[in-house]
Amino acid sequence: MVTAKPYVFQRGEGRPIDLGSFKMTVKADREATGDAFTLLEADEPPGFGPPLHIHHEAAEAFYVIDGEYVIFLESEEILCPAGAFIYIPAGVEHGFRVGRCRVQAELLHPCGDDRLLRRDGSRRGWAERREARRAGEKFSVEVTGPVPDTYL
């Protein structure tokens, strides 16, 4: 039985989220996909990147649309230019840093990080660094590295 309805977002469409130093657009969330997956498009500044972390309940995939990213997978550091696809199974420690430019699409399966973002676009409970860990743990994301200044 199909509970989700088909839809199309054109370029620039979706639910915008202003996170201060960068923007995200929710293309698909748990409600729209019937809990199947989350798809986010991020426009992030050079040097930006989250702390090393582990998604315990969701696999994550990235497609670099423009620019380049450096992906950290366990002990490996991999340069990923536009056109690169990255798949990270649930339970694998990872992180990234934005290189010279910065547009990527991020897919979480099953649904993931959209639960960390309020519908108004703000981060839940991320006012202080120690709260970043608590917010992640609530949604089965374990922060394993320090939270960079550029992330908050």
Protein backbone atom coordinates (compact mmCIF):
# COMPACT_ATOMS: atom_id res chain seq x y z
CA MET A 1 0.00 0.00 0.00
CA VAL A 2 1.44 3.40 -1.02
CA THR A 3 1.06 6.12 1.63
CA ALA A 4 3.44 8.73 0.20
CA LYS A 5 2.34 10.81 -2.78
CA PRO A 6 4.57 11.57 -5.79
CA TYR A 7 5.82 15.13 -6.24
CA VAL A 8 8.47 17.11 -8.11
CA PHE A 9 10.71 19.91 -6.87
CA GLN A 10 12.43 21.98 -9.52
CA ARG A 11 15.85 23.54 -8.97
CA GLY A 12 15.70 25.92 -6.00
CA GLU A 13 12.48 24.43 -4.64
CA GLY A 14 11.96 22.63 -1.35
CA ARG A 15 11.71 23.67 2.29
CA PRO A 16 14.55 26.17 2.92
CA ILE A 17 16.48 26.04 6.18
CA ASP A 18 18.73 28.96 7.12
CA LEU A 19 21.40 27.71 9.51
CA GLY A 20 23.39 30.91 9.75
CA SER A 21 26.68 30.16 8.03
CA PHE A 22 25.02 27.88 5.47
CA LYS A 23 21.70 26.94 3.90
CA MET A 24 19.97 23.63 3.46
CA THR A 25 16.92 22.73 1.43
CA VAL A 26 14.81 19.76 2.44
CA LYS A 27 13.85 18.00 -0.77
CA ALA A 28 12.26 15.00 0.96
CA ASP A 29 11.57 14.20 4.60
CA ARG A 30 10.00 11.41 6.61
CA GLU A 31 6.48 12.79 6.12
CA ALA A 32 6.79 13.14 2.34
CA THR A 33 8.43 9.72 1.82
CA GLY A 34 6.42 7.66 4.31
CA ASP A 35 9.54 7.23 6.51
CA ALA A 36 11.57 5.86 3.57
CA PHE A 37 14.40 8.44 3.45
CA THR A 38 15.46 12.06 3.90
CA LEU A 39 17.08 14.11 1.11
CA LEU A 40 18.82 17.40 1.90
CA GLU A 41 20.62 19.81 -0.41
CA ALA A 42 23.31 21.85 1.34
CA ASP A 43 25.10 25.02 0.25
CA GLU A 44 27.98 25.25 2.69
CA PRO A 45 30.95 27.66 2.94
CA PRO A 46 34.55 26.55 2.29
CA GLY A 47 36.12 25.09 5.43
CA PHE A 48 32.77 24.07 6.90
CA GLY A 49 32.30 20.58 8.29
CA PRO A 50 30.73 18.73 11.20
CA PRO A 51 32.68 16.87 13.87
CA LEU A 52 33.48 13.21 13.26
CA HIS A 53 30.35 11.28 14.04
CA ILE A 54 28.48 7.99 13.63
CA HIS A 55 24.86 7.51 12.52
CA HIS A 56 23.82 4.37 14.35
CA GLU A 57 20.43 3.99 12.67
CA ALA A 58 20.84 5.53 9.23
CA ALA A 59 23.08 5.02 6.23
CA GLU A 60 24.17 8.25 4.57
CA ALA A 61 24.99 9.08 0.96
CA PHE A 62 26.38 12.28 -0.56
CA TYR A 63 26.48 13.45 -4.16
CA VAL A 64 28.76 16.43 -4.76
CA ILE A 65 26.92 18.77 -7.12
CA ASP A 66 29.46 21.59 -7.27
CA GLY A 67 32.94 22.19 -5.86
CA GLU A 68 34.72 19.64 -3.73
CA TYR A 69 34.56 17.98 -0.35
CA VAL A 70 37.13 16.11 1.70
CA ILE A 71 35.43 13.07 3.22
CA PHE A 72 36.86 11.42 6.34
CA LEU A 73 35.96 7.71 6.48
CA GLU A 74 37.37 6.01 9.53
CA SER A 75 41.14 6.62 9.08
CA GLU A 76 40.98 7.63 5.39
CA GLU A 77 40.82 11.14 3.90
CA ILE A 78 39.38 11.26 0.35
CA LEU A 79 39.08 14.27 -1.97
CA CYS A 80 35.67 14.22 -3.68
CA PRO A 81 35.17 16.70 -6.56
CA ALA A 82 31.88 17.51 -8.32
CA GLY A 83 30.27 14.32 -9.57
CA ALA A 84 31.61 12.19 -6.71
CA PHE A 85 29.24 9.85 -4.88
CA ILE A 86 29.92 8.76 -1.30
CA TYR A 87 28.06 5.99 0.56
CA ILE A 88 28.46 5.54 4.31
CA PRO A 89 26.72 2.57 5.96
CA ALA A 90 25.15 3.01 9.40
CA GLY A 91 27.72 2.58 12.16
CA VAL A 92 30.74 3.99 10.25
CA GLU A 93 32.63 6.96 11.74
CA HIS A 94 32.86 9.84 9.25
CA GLY A 95 32.97 13.57 8.71
CA PHE A 96 33.77 16.06 5.94
CA ARG A 97 35.21 19.47 5.17
CA VAL A 98 34.10 21.67 2.33
CA GLY A 99 36.83 22.44 -0.19
CA ARG A 100 36.77 25.35 -2.64
CA CYS A 101 33.01 25.32 -3.36
CA ARG A 102 30.12 23.70 -1.77
CA VAL A 103 26.92 22.21 -2.98
CA GLN A 104 26.01 18.62 -2.17
CA ALA A 105 22.94 16.47 -1.81
CA GLU A 106 22.72 14.23 1.25
CA LEU A 107 20.50 11.16 1.49
CA LEU A 108 19.77 9.39 4.76
CA HIS A 109 18.08 5.98 4.76
CA PRO A 110 16.01 5.34 6.70
CA CYS A 111 15.04 8.90 7.64
CA GLY A 112 17.64 10.78 9.58
CA ASP A 113 18.95 14.25 10.28
CA ASP A 114 15.80 16.15 9.42
CA ARG A 115 14.72 15.25 12.97
CA LEU A 116 17.55 17.46 14.28
CA LEU A 117 16.15 20.49 12.47
CA ARG A 118 13.00 22.33 13.44
CA ARG A 119 10.48 23.17 10.78
CA ASP A 120 11.52 26.83 11.24
CA GLY A 121 15.08 25.88 10.22
CA SER A 122 16.89 26.27 13.52
CA ARG A 123 19.00 23.55 15.14
CA ARG A 124 17.39 21.92 18.13
CA GLY A 125 19.41 22.28 21.31
CA TRP A 126 22.63 23.37 19.62
CA ALA A 127 23.12 26.65 21.49
CA GLU A 128 26.22 25.24 23.21
CA ARG A 129 28.75 22.61 22.12
CA ARG A 130 27.85 20.16 24.88
CA GLU A 131 24.25 20.31 23.70
CA ALA A 132 25.33 19.28 20.20
CA ARG A 133 26.32 15.88 21.57
CA ARG A 134 23.05 15.49 23.48
CA ALA A 135 20.97 16.48 20.43
CA GLY A 136 22.80 13.94 18.28
CA GLU A 137 22.49 11.15 20.83
CA LYS A 138 18.74 11.65 20.99
CA PHE A 139 18.57 10.68 17.31
CA SER A 140 21.23 7.92 17.35
CA VAL A 141 24.05 10.14 16.04
CA GLU A 142 27.21 9.78 18.12
CA VAL A 143 29.60 12.74 17.96
CA THR A 144 33.13 11.28 18.13
CA GLY A 145 35.23 14.34 17.43
CA PRO A 146 35.29 17.94 18.60
CA VAL A 147 32.59 20.28 17.32
CA PRO A 148 34.41 22.78 15.05
CA ASP A 149 33.81 26.51 15.57
CA THR A 150 32.63 26.72 11.95
CA TYR A 151 29.78 24.26 12.66
CA LEU A 152 27.89 26.28 15.26
